[in-house]
Amino acid sequence: MLEQGIYTQKALAEKLGVNPSTVTRLLKGQRKSARLERQIAEILDIAENGDESAKK
């Protein structure tokens, strides 16, 4: 979804209530947060493992 331009990292950060750098670190695997990963999966309507087809 981020790759498709539906959300920017900044917009996703705002929706999550975190700093954009936090989203960057999550996406790069430099930071782990099960709570934020669940929230991102819900916002982007994908499974937590990144499989978009799993939620459709």
N, C-alpha and C. Protein backbone atom coordinates (compact mmCIF):
# COMPACT_ATOMS: atom_id res chain seq x y z
N MET A 1 0.82 -1.19 0.00
CA MET A 1 0.00 0.00 0.00
C MET A 1 0.87 1.26 0.00
N LEU A 2 1.95 1.24 0.76
CA LEU A 2 2.85 2.39 0.72
C LEU A 2 3.49 2.49 -0.65
N GLU A 3 3.87 1.32 -1.22
CA GLU A 3 4.50 1.32 -2.53
C GLU A 3 3.53 1.82 -3.59
N GLN A 4 2.24 1.58 -3.40
CA GLN A 4 1.23 1.96 -4.38
C GLN A 4 0.82 3.43 -4.25
N GLY A 5 1.37 4.11 -3.26
CA GLY A 5 1.10 5.53 -3.10
C GLY A 5 -0.21 5.85 -2.40
N ILE A 6 -0.84 4.85 -1.80
CA ILE A 6 -2.09 5.09 -1.09
C ILE A 6 -1.83 5.86 0.20
N TYR A 7 -0.75 5.51 0.88
CA TYR A 7 -0.34 6.20 2.10
C TYR A 7 1.12 6.59 1.97
N THR A 8 1.45 7.77 2.46
CA THR A 8 2.85 8.13 2.62
C THR A 8 3.26 7.72 4.03
N GLN A 9 4.55 7.64 4.27
CA GLN A 9 5.01 7.32 5.62
C GLN A 9 4.54 8.39 6.60
N LYS A 10 4.53 9.64 6.15
CA LYS A 10 4.09 10.74 7.02
C LYS A 10 2.61 10.59 7.36
N ALA A 11 1.78 10.28 6.37
CA ALA A 11 0.34 10.11 6.62
C ALA A 11 0.09 8.92 7.53
N LEU A 12 0.83 7.84 7.32
CA LEU A 12 0.68 6.67 8.17
C LEU A 12 1.09 7.00 9.60
N ALA A 13 2.18 7.75 9.76
CA ALA A 13 2.64 8.15 11.09
C ALA A 13 1.58 8.99 11.79
N GLU A 14 0.97 9.92 11.06
CA GLU A 14 -0.08 10.75 11.65
C GLU A 14 -1.25 9.90 12.11
N LYS A 15 -1.65 8.94 11.29
CA LYS A 15 -2.77 8.07 11.64
C LYS A 15 -2.45 7.22 12.87
N LEU A 16 -1.18 6.83 13.01
CA LEU A 16 -0.75 6.02 14.15
C LEU A 16 -0.47 6.87 15.39
N GLY A 17 -0.28 8.16 15.19
CA GLY A 17 0.06 9.04 16.30
C GLY A 17 1.51 8.93 16.72
N VAL A 18 2.38 8.64 15.74
CA VAL A 18 3.81 8.52 16.03
C VAL A 18 4.60 9.42 15.09
N ASN A 19 5.88 9.55 15.36
CA ASN A 19 6.77 10.33 14.52
C ASN A 19 7.04 9.57 13.22
N PRO A 20 7.15 10.26 12.09
CA PRO A 20 7.46 9.57 10.83
C PRO A 20 8.72 8.72 10.89
N SER A 21 9.70 9.14 11.68
CA SER A 21 10.93 8.34 11.79
C SER A 21 10.65 6.98 12.43
N THR A 22 9.64 6.90 13.29
CA THR A 22 9.25 5.63 13.89
C THR A 22 8.73 4.68 12.81
N VAL A 23 7.92 5.20 11.90
CA VAL A 23 7.40 4.39 10.79
C VAL A 23 8.56 3.92 9.91
N THR A 24 9.49 4.81 9.63
CA THR A 24 10.65 4.44 8.82
C THR A 24 11.42 3.30 9.47
N ARG A 25 11.68 3.40 10.77
CA ARG A 25 12.42 2.35 11.47
C ARG A 25 11.65 1.04 11.49
N LEU A 26 10.32 1.10 11.64
CA LEU A 26 9.50 -0.11 11.59
C LEU A 26 9.61 -0.79 10.23
N LEU A 27 9.48 0.00 9.18
CA LEU A 27 9.51 -0.55 7.82
C LEU A 27 10.88 -1.12 7.45
N LYS A 28 11.93 -0.56 8.04
CA LYS A 28 13.29 -1.06 7.78
C LYS A 28 13.65 -2.22 8.70
N GLY A 29 12.77 -2.54 9.64
CA GLY A 29 13.05 -3.62 10.57
C GLY A 29 13.99 -3.24 11.70
N GLN A 30 14.23 -1.95 11.87
CA GLN A 30 15.14 -1.48 12.91
C GLN A 30 14.44 -1.32 14.25
N ARG A 31 13.13 -1.38 14.24
CA ARG A 31 12.35 -1.23 15.47
C ARG A 31 11.21 -2.23 15.40
N LYS A 32 10.92 -2.88 16.52
CA LYS A 32 9.82 -3.83 16.57
C LYS A 32 8.77 -3.32 17.54
N SER A 33 7.53 -3.39 17.12
CA SER A 33 6.41 -3.04 17.98
C SER A 33 5.20 -3.81 17.49
N ALA A 34 4.83 -4.84 18.23
CA ALA A 34 3.68 -5.65 17.84
C ALA A 34 2.42 -4.80 17.74
N ARG A 35 2.26 -3.85 18.66
CA ARG A 35 1.08 -2.99 18.65
C ARG A 35 1.03 -2.15 17.38
N LEU A 36 2.13 -1.50 17.04
CA LEU A 36 2.15 -0.67 15.84
C LEU A 36 2.03 -1.52 14.58
N GLU A 37 2.64 -2.70 14.58
CA GLU A 37 2.52 -3.57 13.41
C GLU A 37 1.07 -3.99 13.20
N ARG A 38 0.34 -4.28 14.29
CA ARG A 38 -1.09 -4.61 14.17
C ARG A 38 -1.88 -3.43 13.64
N GLN A 39 -1.58 -2.24 14.16
CA GLN A 39 -2.29 -1.05 13.71
C GLN A 39 -2.03 -0.77 12.24
N ILE A 40 -0.79 -0.92 11.80
CA ILE A 40 -0.46 -0.71 10.39
C ILE A 40 -1.21 -1.71 9.53
N ALA A 41 -1.23 -2.97 9.96
CA ALA A 41 -1.93 -4.00 9.20
C ALA A 41 -3.42 -3.66 9.07
N GLU A 42 -4.02 -3.16 10.15
CA GLU A 42 -5.43 -2.77 10.11
C GLU A 42 -5.64 -1.59 9.17
N ILE A 43 -4.81 -0.59 9.28
CA ILE A 43 -4.94 0.62 8.45
C ILE A 43 -4.80 0.27 6.97
N LEU A 44 -3.81 -0.56 6.66
CA LEU A 44 -3.54 -0.90 5.26
C LEU A 44 -4.38 -2.08 4.78
N ASP A 45 -5.17 -2.65 5.69
CA ASP A 45 -6.05 -3.78 5.38
C ASP A 45 -5.27 -4.96 4.81
N ILE A 46 -4.20 -5.32 5.53
CA ILE A 46 -3.40 -6.47 5.15
C ILE A 46 -3.16 -7.33 6.38
N ALA A 47 -2.79 -8.57 6.16
CA ALA A 47 -2.40 -9.44 7.26
C ALA A 47 -1.07 -8.95 7.81
N GLU A 48 -0.80 -9.25 9.07
CA GLU A 48 0.44 -8.77 9.69
C GLU A 48 1.69 -9.32 9.01
N ASN A 49 1.57 -10.42 8.30
CA ASN A 49 2.72 -10.97 7.59
C ASN A 49 2.93 -10.29 6.24
N GLY A 50 2.09 -9.30 5.91
CA GLY A 50 2.24 -8.55 4.68
C GLY A 50 1.46 -9.10 3.51
N ASP A 51 0.70 -10.17 3.71
CA ASP A 51 -0.07 -10.79 2.64
C ASP A 51 -1.39 -10.06 2.45
N GLU A 52 -1.46 -9.22 1.42
CA GLU A 52 -2.67 -8.43 1.18
C GLU A 52 -3.87 -9.32 0.87
N SER A 53 -3.66 -10.47 0.26
CA SER A 53 -4.78 -11.33 -0.12
C SER A 53 -5.42 -12.00 1.09
N ALA A 54 -4.72 -12.07 2.20
CA ALA A 54 -5.24 -12.75 3.39
C ALA A 54 -6.40 -12.01 4.02
N LYS A 55 -6.51 -10.71 3.81
CA LYS A 55 -7.56 -9.92 4.44
C LYS A 55 -8.74 -9.67 3.52
N LYS A 56 -8.65 -10.05 2.27
CA LYS A 56 -9.70 -9.73 1.30
C LYS A 56 -10.77 -10.77 1.29
